[in-house]
Amino acid sequence: MGEQEAGEGEGAMIVFPGLTLRITAKPNASLRTKNRIRERGARGFVVRQTPTSVIALDNREGILLMGVDDEVPEPWIGWLPTDEIDMEPWIEGRTKKKVNTEVIG
């Protein structure tokens, strides 16, 4: 899979495999999504596959992520629905600007 542009206009970003992101849950996010972010995302997530329709998410658009954790020998890898999350590039020291995650395609 290649690159996909997330968002429109100012604040848009390119999402591609290998990119490290800070993920936050939107207010409407499911408990599963909130828990995965809280439990597995303290040091960010690496994009494994760009947003696509996912059967396991009832054909909703999802992004395949891998949790970044230096202390876990086998990191979590799983799908999160893009309509339940906000994404921004991971920058040490914490980036404050949110990026619209609506995918153009």
PDB file of N, CA and C in Angstrom:
ATOM      1  N   MET A   1       0.838  -1.180   0.000  1.00  0.00           N
ATOM      2  CA  MET A   1       0.000   0.000   0.000  1.00  0.00           C
ATOM      3  C   MET A   1       0.877   1.235   0.000  1.00  0.00           C
ATOM      4  N   GLY A   2       0.414   2.284  -0.642  1.00  0.00           N
ATOM      5  CA  GLY A   2       1.188   3.505  -0.741  1.00  0.00           C
ATOM      6  C   GLY A   2       0.730   4.550   0.259  1.00  0.00           C
ATOM      7  N   GLU A   3       0.945   5.790  -0.142  1.00  0.00           N
ATOM      8  CA  GLU A   3       0.589   6.918   0.716  1.00  0.00           C
ATOM      9  C   GLU A   3      -0.873   7.276   0.517  1.00  0.00           C
ATOM     10  N   GLN A   4      -1.473   7.876   1.554  1.00  0.00           N
ATOM     11  CA  GLN A   4      -2.801   8.459   1.448  1.00  0.00           C
ATOM     12  C   GLN A   4      -2.777   9.782   2.167  1.00  0.00           C
ATOM     13  N   GLU A   5      -3.517  10.744   1.626  1.00  0.00           N
ATOM     14  CA  GLU A   5      -3.580  12.051   2.258  1.00  0.00           C
ATOM     15  C   GLU A   5      -4.739  12.059   3.237  1.00  0.00           C
ATOM     16  N   ALA A   6      -4.466  12.485   4.460  1.00  0.00           N
ATOM     17  CA  ALA A   6      -5.500  12.587   5.483  1.00  0.00           C
ATOM     18  C   ALA A   6      -5.840  14.050   5.678  1.00  0.00           C
ATOM     19  N   GLY A   7      -7.117  14.373   5.594  1.00  0.00           N
ATOM     20  CA  GLY A   7      -7.554  15.738   5.820  1.00  0.00           C
ATOM     21  C   GLY A   7      -7.553  16.558   4.546  1.00  0.00           C
ATOM     22  N   GLU A   8      -7.988  17.774   4.672  1.00  0.00           N
ATOM     23  CA  GLU A   8      -8.033  18.688   3.546  1.00  0.00           C
ATOM     24  C   GLU A   8      -7.448  20.027   3.958  1.00  0.00           C
ATOM     25  N   GLY A   9      -6.824  20.725   3.031  1.00  0.00           N
ATOM     26  CA  GLY A   9      -6.325  22.069   3.287  1.00  0.00           C
ATOM     27  C   GLY A   9      -5.243  22.103   4.350  1.00  0.00           C
ATOM     28  N   GLU A  10      -5.198  23.212   5.095  1.00  0.00           N
ATOM     29  CA  GLU A  10      -4.189  23.384   6.129  1.00  0.00           C
ATOM     30  C   GLU A  10      -4.352  22.300   7.193  1.00  0.00           C
ATOM     31  N   GLY A  11      -3.262  21.714   7.621  1.00  0.00           N
ATOM     32  CA  GLY A  11      -3.315  20.655   8.623  1.00  0.00           C
ATOM     33  C   GLY A  11      -3.403  19.264   8.025  1.00  0.00           C
ATOM     34  N   ALA A  12      -3.521  19.160   6.681  1.00  0.00           N
ATOM     35  CA  ALA A  12      -3.574  17.853   6.043  1.00  0.00           C
ATOM     36  C   ALA A  12      -2.207  17.195   6.143  1.00  0.00           C
ATOM     37  N   MET A  13      -2.186  15.880   6.181  1.00  0.00           N
ATOM     38  CA  MET A  13      -0.919  15.172   6.247  1.00  0.00           C
ATOM     39  C   MET A  13      -0.977  13.917   5.402  1.00  0.00           C
ATOM     40  N   ILE A  14       0.183  13.446   4.996  1.00  0.00           N
ATOM     41  CA  ILE A  14       0.307  12.202   4.251  1.00  0.00           C
ATOM     42  C   ILE A  14       0.525  11.079   5.266  1.00  0.00           C
ATOM     43  N   VAL A  15      -0.270  10.024   5.142  1.00  0.00           N
ATOM     44  CA  VAL A  15      -0.147   8.860   6.020  1.00  0.00           C
ATOM     45  C   VAL A  15       0.446   7.731   5.190  1.00  0.00           C
ATOM     46  N   PHE A  16       1.541   7.130   5.666  1.00  0.00           N
ATOM     47  CA  PHE A  16       2.205   6.066   4.926  1.00  0.00           C
ATOM     48  C   PHE A  16       2.795   5.053   5.900  1.00  0.00           C
ATOM     49  N   PRO A  17       2.979   3.806   5.463  1.00  0.00           N
ATOM     50  CA  PRO A  17       3.572   2.790   6.333  1.00  0.00           C
ATOM     51  C   PRO A  17       4.927   3.239   6.862  1.00  0.00           C
ATOM     52  N   GLY A  18       5.135   3.034   8.155  1.00  0.00           N
ATOM     53  CA  GLY A  18       6.386   3.412   8.799  1.00  0.00           C
ATOM     54  C   GLY A  18       6.320   4.735   9.531  1.00  0.00           C
ATOM     55  N   LEU A  19       5.295   5.541   9.257  1.00  0.00           N
ATOM     56  CA  LEU A  19       5.122   6.834   9.924  1.00  0.00           C
ATOM     57  C   LEU A  19       4.695   6.610  11.371  1.00  0.00           C
ATOM     58  N   THR A  20       5.327   7.304  12.312  1.00  0.00           N
ATOM     59  CA  THR A  20       4.943   7.214  13.720  1.00  0.00           C
ATOM     60  C   THR A  20       3.965   8.345  14.027  1.00  0.00           C
ATOM     61  N   LEU A  21       2.838   7.962  14.640  1.00  0.00           N
ATOM     62  CA  LEU A  21       1.761   8.902  14.921  1.00  0.00           C
ATOM     63  C   LEU A  21       1.417   8.947  16.402  1.00  0.00           C
ATOM     64  N   ARG A  22       0.907  10.083  16.835  1.00  0.00           N
ATOM     65  CA  ARG A  22       0.239  10.209  18.128  1.00  0.00           C
ATOM     66  C   ARG A  22      -1.247  10.080  17.803  1.00  0.00           C
ATOM     67  N   ILE A  23      -1.913   9.145  18.459  1.00  0.00           N
ATOM     68  CA  ILE A  23      -3.329   8.876  18.214  1.00  0.00           C
ATOM     69  C   ILE A  23      -4.116   9.270  19.461  1.00  0.00           C
ATOM     70  N   THR A  24      -5.214   9.991  19.270  1.00  0.00           N
ATOM     71  CA  THR A  24      -6.119  10.303  20.370  1.00  0.00           C
ATOM     72  C   THR A  24      -7.525   9.887  19.963  1.00  0.00           C
ATOM     73  N   ALA A  25      -8.324   9.520  20.953  1.00  0.00           N
ATOM     74  CA  ALA A  25      -9.695   9.089  20.701  1.00  0.00           C
ATOM     75  C   ALA A  25     -10.618  10.293  20.574  1.00  0.00           C
ATOM     76  N   LYS A  26     -11.510  10.232  19.596  1.00  0.00           N
ATOM     77  CA  LYS A  26     -12.552  11.249  19.469  1.00  0.00           C
ATOM     78  C   LYS A  26     -13.606  10.981  20.555  1.00  0.00           C
ATOM     79  N   PRO A  27     -14.421  11.976  20.869  1.00  0.00           N
ATOM     80  CA  PRO A  27     -15.449  11.780  21.907  1.00  0.00           C
ATOM     81  C   PRO A  27     -16.397  10.614  21.622  1.00  0.00           C
ATOM     82  N   ASN A  28     -16.665  10.319  20.346  1.00  0.00           N
ATOM     83  CA  ASN A  28     -17.584   9.235  19.982  1.00  0.00           C
ATOM     84  C   ASN A  28     -16.911   7.868  19.904  1.00  0.00           C
ATOM     85  N   ALA A  29     -15.641   7.767  20.261  1.00  0.00           N
ATOM     86  CA  ALA A  29     -14.891   6.509  20.121  1.00  0.00           C
ATOM     87  C   ALA A  29     -15.448   5.422  21.030  1.00  0.00           C
ATOM     88  N   SER A  30     -15.339   4.189  20.542  1.00  0.00           N
ATOM     89  CA  SER A  30     -15.770   3.037  21.333  1.00  0.00           C
ATOM     90  C   SER A  30     -14.808   2.819  22.497  1.00  0.00           C
ATOM     91  N   LEU A  31     -15.263   2.053  23.480  1.00  0.00           N
ATOM     92  CA  LEU A  31     -14.421   1.722  24.625  1.00  0.00           C
ATOM     93  C   LEU A  31     -13.187   0.945  24.164  1.00  0.00           C
ATOM     94  N   ARG A  32     -13.334   0.066  23.169  1.00  0.00           N
ATOM     95  CA  ARG A  32     -12.202  -0.694  22.637  1.00  0.00           C
ATOM     96  C   ARG A  32     -11.123   0.244  22.112  1.00  0.00           C
ATOM     97  N   THR A  33     -11.528   1.227  21.304  1.00  0.00           N
ATOM     98  CA  THR A  33     -10.564   2.174  20.743  1.00  0.00           C
ATOM     99  C   THR A  33      -9.872   2.968  21.846  1.00  0.00           C
ATOM    100  N   LYS A  34     -10.646   3.476  22.795  1.00  0.00           N
ATOM    101  CA  LYS A  34     -10.073   4.248  23.905  1.00  0.00           C
ATOM    102  C   LYS A  34      -9.084   3.403  24.707  1.00  0.00           C
ATOM    103  N   ASN A  35      -9.444   2.141  24.962  1.00  0.00           N
ATOM    104  CA  ASN A  35      -8.552   1.253  25.725  1.00  0.00           C
ATOM    105  C   ASN A  35      -7.266   0.961  24.979  1.00  0.00           C
ATOM    106  N   ARG A  36      -7.335   0.679  23.661  1.00  0.00           N
ATOM    107  CA  ARG A  36      -6.125   0.382  22.893  1.00  0.00           C
ATOM    108  C   ARG A  36      -5.179   1.572  22.913  1.00  0.00           C
ATOM    109  N   ILE A  37      -5.729   2.762  22.759  1.00  0.00           N
ATOM    110  CA  ILE A  37      -4.887   3.959  22.770  1.00  0.00           C
ATOM    111  C   ILE A  37      -4.249   4.141  24.140  1.00  0.00           C
ATOM    112  N   ARG A  38      -5.039   3.980  25.191  1.00  0.00           N
ATOM    113  CA  ARG A  38      -4.525   4.159  26.554  1.00  0.00           C
ATOM    114  C   ARG A  38      -3.493   3.087  26.903  1.00  0.00           C
ATOM    115  N   GLU A  39      -3.776   1.828  26.557  1.00  0.00           N
ATOM    116  CA  GLU A  39      -2.920   0.706  26.938  1.00  0.00           C
ATOM    117  C   GLU A  39      -1.679   0.552  26.055  1.00  0.00           C
ATOM    118  N   ARG A  40      -1.780   0.920  24.780  1.00  0.00           N
ATOM    119  CA  ARG A  40      -0.712   0.600  23.819  1.00  0.00           C
ATOM    120  C   ARG A  40      -0.064   1.795  23.146  1.00  0.00           C
ATOM    121  N   GLY A  41      -0.557   3.015  23.408  1.00  0.00           N
ATOM    122  CA  GLY A  41      -0.082   4.144  22.635  1.00  0.00           C
ATOM    123  C   GLY A  41       0.699   5.207  23.375  1.00  0.00           C
ATOM    124  N   ALA A  42       1.207   4.891  24.554  1.00  0.00           N
ATOM    125  CA  ALA A  42       1.938   5.903  25.332  1.00  0.00           C
ATOM    126  C   ALA A  42       3.148   6.461  24.578  1.00  0.00           C
ATOM    127  N   ARG A  43       3.753   5.643  23.736  1.00  0.00           N
ATOM    128  CA  ARG A  43       4.935   6.082  22.971  1.00  0.00           C
ATOM    129  C   ARG A  43       4.628   6.192  21.483  1.00  0.00           C
ATOM    130  N   GLY A  44       3.345   6.216  21.146  1.00  0.00           N
ATOM    131  CA  GLY A  44       2.925   6.389  19.764  1.00  0.00           C
ATOM    132  C   GLY A  44       2.589   5.073  19.079  1.00  0.00           C
ATOM    133  N   PHE A  45       2.192   5.181  17.821  1.00  0.00           N
ATOM    134  CA  PHE A  45       1.848   4.040  16.973  1.00  0.00           C
ATOM    135  C   PHE A  45       2.553   4.206  15.633  1.00  0.00           C
ATOM    136  N   VAL A  46       2.976   3.103  15.057  1.00  0.00           N
ATOM    137  CA  VAL A  46       3.574   3.108  13.718  1.00  0.00           C
ATOM    138  C   VAL A  46       2.520   2.596  12.742  1.00  0.00           C
ATOM    139  N   VAL A  47       2.329   3.313  11.631  1.00  0.00           N
ATOM    140  CA  VAL A  47       1.391   2.891  10.593  1.00  0.00           C
ATOM    141  C   VAL A  47       1.943   1.649   9.908  1.00  0.00           C
ATOM    142  N   ARG A  48       1.150   0.585   9.885  1.00  0.00           N
ATOM    143  CA  ARG A  48       1.525  -0.645   9.178  1.00  0.00           C
ATOM    144  C   ARG A  48       0.831  -0.717   7.820  1.00  0.00           C
ATOM    145  N   GLN A  49      -0.411  -0.201   7.762  1.00  0.00           N
ATOM    146  CA  GLN A  49      -1.144  -0.161   6.496  1.00  0.00           C
ATOM    147  C   GLN A  49      -2.022   1.086   6.492  1.00  0.00           C
ATOM    148  N   THR A  50      -2.052   1.767   5.352  1.00  0.00           N
ATOM    149  CA  THR A  50      -2.840   2.991   5.237  1.00  0.00           C
ATOM    150  C   THR A  50      -4.335   2.684   5.334  1.00  0.00           C
ATOM    151  N   PRO A  51      -5.146   3.710   5.592  1.00  0.00           N
ATOM    152  CA  PRO A  51      -6.590   3.490   5.758  1.00  0.00           C
ATOM    153  C   PRO A  51      -7.228   2.754   4.587  1.00  0.00           C
ATOM    154  N   THR A  52      -8.077   1.798   4.944  1.00  0.00           N
ATOM    155  CA  THR A  52      -8.778   0.978   3.973  1.00  0.00           C
ATOM    156  C   THR A  52     -10.038   0.429   4.626  1.00  0.00           C
ATOM    157  N   SER A  53     -10.951  -0.102   3.841  1.00  0.00           N
ATOM    158  CA  SER A  53     -12.152  -0.738   4.375  1.00  0.00           C
ATOM    159  C   SER A  53     -11.750  -2.045   5.065  1.00  0.00           C
ATOM    160  N   VAL A  54     -12.253  -2.253   6.301  1.00  0.00           N
ATOM    161  CA  VAL A  54     -11.831  -3.406   7.099  1.00  0.00           C
ATOM    162  C   VAL A  54     -13.047  -4.258   7.472  1.00  0.00           C
ATOM    163  N   ILE A  55     -13.045  -5.512   7.051  1.00  0.00           N
ATOM    164  CA  ILE A  55     -14.158  -6.422   7.340  1.00  0.00           C
ATOM    165  C   ILE A  55     -14.390  -6.547   8.836  1.00  0.00           C
ATOM    166  N   ALA A  56     -13.319  -6.648   9.625  1.00  0.00           N
ATOM    167  CA  ALA A  56     -13.438  -6.805  11.079  1.00  0.00           C
ATOM    168  C   ALA A  56     -14.078  -5.590  11.749  1.00  0.00           C
ATOM    169  N   LEU A  57     -14.120  -4.463  11.051  1.00  0.00           N
ATOM    170  CA  LEU A  57     -14.752  -3.247  11.585  1.00  0.00           C
ATOM    171  C   LEU A  57     -16.079  -2.986  10.871  1.00  0.00           C
ATOM    172  N   ASP A  58     -16.731  -4.071  10.413  1.00  0.00           N
ATOM    173  CA  ASP A  58     -17.998  -3.965   9.675  1.00  0.00           C
ATOM    174  C   ASP A  58     -17.862  -3.097   8.430  1.00  0.00           C
ATOM    175  N   ASN A  59     -16.757  -3.284   7.719  1.00  0.00           N
ATOM    176  CA  ASN A  59     -16.438  -2.567   6.478  1.00  0.00           C
ATOM    177  C   ASN A  59     -16.277  -1.058   6.661  1.00  0.00           C
ATOM    178  N   ARG A  60     -16.014  -0.635   7.889  1.00  0.00           N
ATOM    179  CA  ARG A  60     -15.669   0.765   8.131  1.00  0.00           C
ATOM    180  C   ARG A  60     -14.203   0.956   7.768  1.00  0.00           C
ATOM    181  N   GLU A  61     -13.822   2.206   7.537  1.00  0.00           N
ATOM    182  CA  GLU A  61     -12.431   2.490   7.232  1.00  0.00           C
ATOM    183  C   GLU A  61     -11.601   2.377   8.504  1.00  0.00           C
ATOM    184  N   GLY A  62     -10.488   1.673   8.395  1.00  0.00           N
ATOM    185  CA  GLY A  62      -9.588   1.517   9.532  1.00  0.00           C
ATOM    186  C   GLY A  62      -8.148   1.671   9.097  1.00  0.00           C
ATOM    187  N   ILE A  63      -7.286   1.861  10.086  1.00  0.00           N
ATOM    188  CA  ILE A  63      -5.857   1.971   9.839  1.00  0.00           C
ATOM    189  C   ILE A  63      -5.163   0.926  10.706  1.00  0.00           C
ATOM    190  N   LEU A  64      -4.234   0.175  10.111  1.00  0.00           N
ATOM    191  CA  LEU A  64      -3.507  -0.861  10.834  1.00  0.00           C
ATOM    192  C   LEU A  64      -2.302  -0.214  11.514  1.00  0.00           C
ATOM    193  N   LEU A  65      -2.261  -0.355  12.832  1.00  0.00           N
ATOM    194  CA  LEU A  65      -1.230   0.293  13.641  1.00  0.00           C
ATOM    195  C   LEU A  65      -0.463  -0.717  14.472  1.00  0.00           C
ATOM    196  N   MET A  66       0.762  -0.347  14.841  1.00  0.00           N
ATOM    197  CA  MET A  66       1.574  -1.134  15.764  1.00  0.00           C
ATOM    198  C   MET A  66       1.973  -0.209  16.909  1.00  0.00           C
ATOM    199  N   GLY A  67       1.704  -0.649  18.137  1.00  0.00           N
ATOM    200  CA  GLY A  67       2.091   0.143  19.297  1.00  0.00           C
ATOM    201  C   GLY A  67       3.599   0.192  19.442  1.00  0.00           C
ATOM    202  N   VAL A  68       4.106   1.332  19.879  1.00  0.00           N
ATOM    203  CA  VAL A  68       5.536   1.502  20.107  1.00  0.00           C
ATOM    204  C   VAL A  68       5.778   1.396  21.605  1.00  0.00           C
ATOM    205  N   ASP A  69       6.512   0.357  22.000  1.00  0.00           N
ATOM    206  CA  ASP A  69       6.814   0.168  23.419  1.00  0.00           C
ATOM    207  C   ASP A  69       8.126  -0.586  23.521  1.00  0.00           C
ATOM    208  N   ASP A  70       9.131   0.059  24.103  1.00  0.00           N
ATOM    209  CA  ASP A  70      10.465  -0.537  24.205  1.00  0.00           C
ATOM    210  C   ASP A  70      10.513  -1.736  25.134  1.00  0.00           C
ATOM    211  N   GLU A  71       9.550  -1.855  26.039  1.00  0.00           N
ATOM    212  CA  GLU A  71       9.609  -2.907  27.053  1.00  0.00           C
ATOM    213  C   GLU A  71       8.808  -4.154  26.695  1.00  0.00           C
ATOM    214  N   VAL A  72       8.105  -4.163  25.574  1.00  0.00           N
ATOM    215  CA  VAL A  72       7.282  -5.303  25.176  1.00  0.00           C
ATOM    216  C   VAL A  72       7.964  -6.021  24.013  1.00  0.00           C
ATOM    217  N   PRO A  73       8.268  -7.328  24.171  1.00  0.00           N
ATOM    218  CA  PRO A  73       8.949  -8.051  23.088  1.00  0.00           C
ATOM    219  C   PRO A  73       8.096  -8.184  21.827  1.00  0.00           C
ATOM    220  N   GLU A  74       6.778  -8.324  21.976  1.00  0.00           N
ATOM    221  CA  GLU A  74       5.877  -8.429  20.824  1.00  0.00           C
ATOM    222  C   GLU A  74       4.827  -7.336  20.931  1.00  0.00           C
ATOM    223  N   PRO A  75       4.982  -6.247  20.199  1.00  0.00           N
ATOM    224  CA  PRO A  75       4.053  -5.126  20.315  1.00  0.00           C
ATOM    225  C   PRO A  75       2.663  -5.458  19.783  1.00  0.00           C
ATOM    226  N   TRP A  76       1.669  -4.696  20.247  1.00  0.00           N
ATOM    227  CA  TRP A  76       0.306  -4.833  19.755  1.00  0.00           C
ATOM    228  C   TRP A  76       0.230  -4.345  18.315  1.00  0.00           C
ATOM    229  N   ILE A  77      -0.450  -5.127  17.470  1.00  0.00           N
ATOM    230  CA  ILE A  77      -0.740  -4.722  16.098  1.00  0.00           C
ATOM    231  C   ILE A  77      -2.226  -4.922  15.893  1.00  0.00           C
ATOM    232  N   GLY A  78      -2.915  -3.889  15.426  1.00  0.00           N
ATOM    233  CA  GLY A  78      -4.351  -4.023  15.211  1.00  0.00           C
ATOM    234  C   GLY A  78      -4.947  -2.846  14.465  1.00  0.00           C
ATOM    235  N   TRP A  79      -6.225  -3.011  14.131  1.00  0.00           N
ATOM    236  CA  TRP A  79      -6.959  -2.004  13.378  1.00  0.00           C
ATOM    237  C   TRP A  79      -7.689  -1.067  14.326  1.00  0.00           C
ATOM    238  N   LEU A  80      -7.656   0.228  14.021  1.00  0.00           N
ATOM    239  CA  LEU A  80      -8.497   1.203  14.703  1.00  0.00           C
ATOM    240  C   LEU A  80      -9.317   1.927  13.636  1.00  0.00           C
ATOM    241  N   PRO A  81     -10.608   2.143  13.906  1.00  0.00           N
ATOM    242  CA  PRO A  81     -11.450   2.844  12.929  1.00  0.00           C
ATOM    243  C   PRO A  81     -11.060   4.320  12.835  1.00  0.00           C
ATOM    244  N   THR A  82     -10.887   4.803  11.616  1.00  0.00           N
ATOM    245  CA  THR A  82     -10.426   6.179  11.427  1.00  0.00           C
ATOM    246  C   THR A  82     -11.460   7.218  11.848  1.00  0.00           C
ATOM    247  N   ASP A  83     -12.746   6.829  11.885  1.00  0.00           N
ATOM    248  CA  ASP A  83     -13.753   7.801  12.309  1.00  0.00           C
ATOM    249  C   ASP A  83     -13.818   7.957  13.831  1.00  0.00           C
ATOM    250  N   GLU A  84     -13.001   7.185  14.553  1.00  0.00           N
ATOM    251  CA  GLU A  84     -12.973   7.268  16.015  1.00  0.00           C
ATOM    252  C   GLU A  84     -11.679   7.872  16.554  1.00  0.00           C
ATOM    253  N   ILE A  85     -10.761   8.244  15.650  1.00  0.00           N
ATOM    254  CA  ILE A  85      -9.450   8.723  16.115  1.00  0.00           C
ATOM    255  C   ILE A  85      -9.028  10.010  15.426  1.00  0.00           C
ATOM    256  N   ASP A  86      -8.157  10.737  16.117  1.00  0.00           N
ATOM    257  CA  ASP A  86      -7.438  11.861  15.534  1.00  0.00           C
ATOM    258  C   ASP A  86      -5.973  11.450  15.471  1.00  0.00           C
ATOM    259  N   MET A  87      -5.300  11.851  14.387  1.00  0.00           N
ATOM    260  CA  MET A  87      -3.903  11.493  14.182  1.00  0.00           C
ATOM    261  C   MET A  87      -3.068  12.747  14.012  1.00  0.00           C
ATOM    262  N   GLU A  88      -1.857  12.698  14.517  1.00  0.00           N
ATOM    263  CA  GLU A  88      -0.876  13.760  14.290  1.00  0.00           C
ATOM    264  C   GLU A  88       0.502  13.117  14.277  1.00  0.00           C
ATOM    265  N   PRO A  89       1.461  13.719  13.582  1.00  0.00           N
ATOM    266  CA  PRO A  89       2.806  13.151  13.572  1.00  0.00           C
ATOM    267  C   PRO A  89       3.373  13.097  14.981  1.00  0.00           C
ATOM    268  N   TRP A  90       4.101  12.040  15.294  1.00  0.00           N
ATOM    269  CA  TRP A  90       4.745  11.910  16.603  1.00  0.00           C
ATOM    270  C   TRP A  90       5.968  12.809  16.623  1.00  0.00           C
ATOM    271  N   ILE A  91       5.995  13.717  17.562  1.00  0.00           N
ATOM    272  CA  ILE A  91       7.150  14.584  17.757  1.00  0.00           C
ATOM    273  C   ILE A  91       7.447  14.574  19.245  1.00  0.00           C
ATOM    274  N   GLU A  92       8.675  14.206  19.602  1.00  0.00           N
ATOM    275  CA  GLU A  92       9.039  14.198  21.015  1.00  0.00           C
ATOM    276  C   GLU A  92       8.766  15.580  21.600  1.00  0.00           C
ATOM    277  N   GLY A  93       8.237  15.629  22.793  1.00  0.00           N
ATOM    278  CA  GLY A  93       7.885  16.897  23.416  1.00  0.00           C
ATOM    279  C   GLY A  93       6.421  17.237  23.201  1.00  0.00           C
ATOM    280  N   ARG A  94       5.724  16.397  22.491  1.00  0.00           N
ATOM    281  CA  ARG A  94       4.282  16.470  22.291  1.00  0.00           C
ATOM    282  C   ARG A  94       3.839  17.596  21.356  1.00  0.00           C
ATOM    283  N   THR A  95       3.318  17.201  20.215  1.00  0.00           N
ATOM    284  CA  THR A  95       2.731  18.136  19.261  1.00  0.00           C
ATOM    285  C   THR A  95       1.323  18.461  19.723  1.00  0.00           C
ATOM    286  N   LYS A  96       0.937  19.717  19.665  1.00  0.00           N
ATOM    287  CA  LYS A  96      -0.394  20.099  20.123  1.00  0.00           C
ATOM    288  C   LYS A  96      -1.401  20.216  18.993  1.00  0.00           C
ATOM    289  N   LYS A  97      -0.949  20.446  17.752  1.00  0.00           N
ATOM    290  CA  LYS A  97      -1.867  20.643  16.637  1.00  0.00           C
ATOM    291  C   LYS A  97      -2.489  19.322  16.219  1.00  0.00           C
ATOM    292  N   LYS A  98      -3.806  19.269  16.138  1.00  0.00           N
ATOM    293  CA  LYS A  98      -4.530  18.085  15.687  1.00  0.00           C
ATOM    294  C   LYS A  98      -4.634  18.123  14.167  1.00  0.00           C
ATOM    295  N   VAL A  99      -4.710  16.948  13.567  1.00  0.00           N
ATOM    296  CA  VAL A  99      -4.828  16.849  12.117  1.00  0.00           C
ATOM    297  C   VAL A  99      -6.151  16.193  11.785  1.00  0.00           C
ATOM    298  N   ASN A 100      -6.883  16.754  10.850  1.00  0.00           N
ATOM    299  CA  ASN A 100      -8.129  16.162  10.387  1.00  0.00           C
ATOM    300  C   ASN A 100      -7.803  14.813   9.745  1.00  0.00           C
ATOM    301  N   THR A 101      -8.529  13.752  10.153  1.00  0.00           N
ATOM    302  CA  THR A 101      -8.198  12.414   9.664  1.00  0.00           C
ATOM    303  C   THR A 101      -9.095  11.946   8.526  1.00  0.00           C
ATOM    304  N   GLU A 102      -9.917  12.822   7.988  1.00  0.00           N
ATOM    305  CA  GLU A 102     -10.762  12.449   6.876  1.00  0.00           C
ATOM    306  C   GLU A 102      -9.870  12.149   5.681  1.00  0.00           C
ATOM    307  N   VAL A 103     -10.024  10.963   5.094  1.00  0.00           N
ATOM    308  CA  VAL A 103      -9.140  10.544   4.009  1.00  0.00           C
ATOM    309  C   VAL A 103      -9.757  10.900   2.671  1.00  0.00           C
ATOM    310  N   ILE A 104      -8.954  11.501   1.822  1.00  0.00           N
ATOM    311  CA  ILE A 104      -9.369  11.854   0.480  1.00  0.00           C
ATOM    312  C   ILE A 104      -9.055  10.678  -0.425  1.00  0.00           C
ATOM    313  N   GLY A 105      -9.951  10.245  -1.191  1.00  0.00           N
ATOM    314  CA  GLY A 105      -9.604   9.108  -2.030  1.00  0.00           C
ATOM    315  C   GLY A 105     -10.674   8.834  -2.963  1.00  0.00           C
TER     316      GLY A 105
END
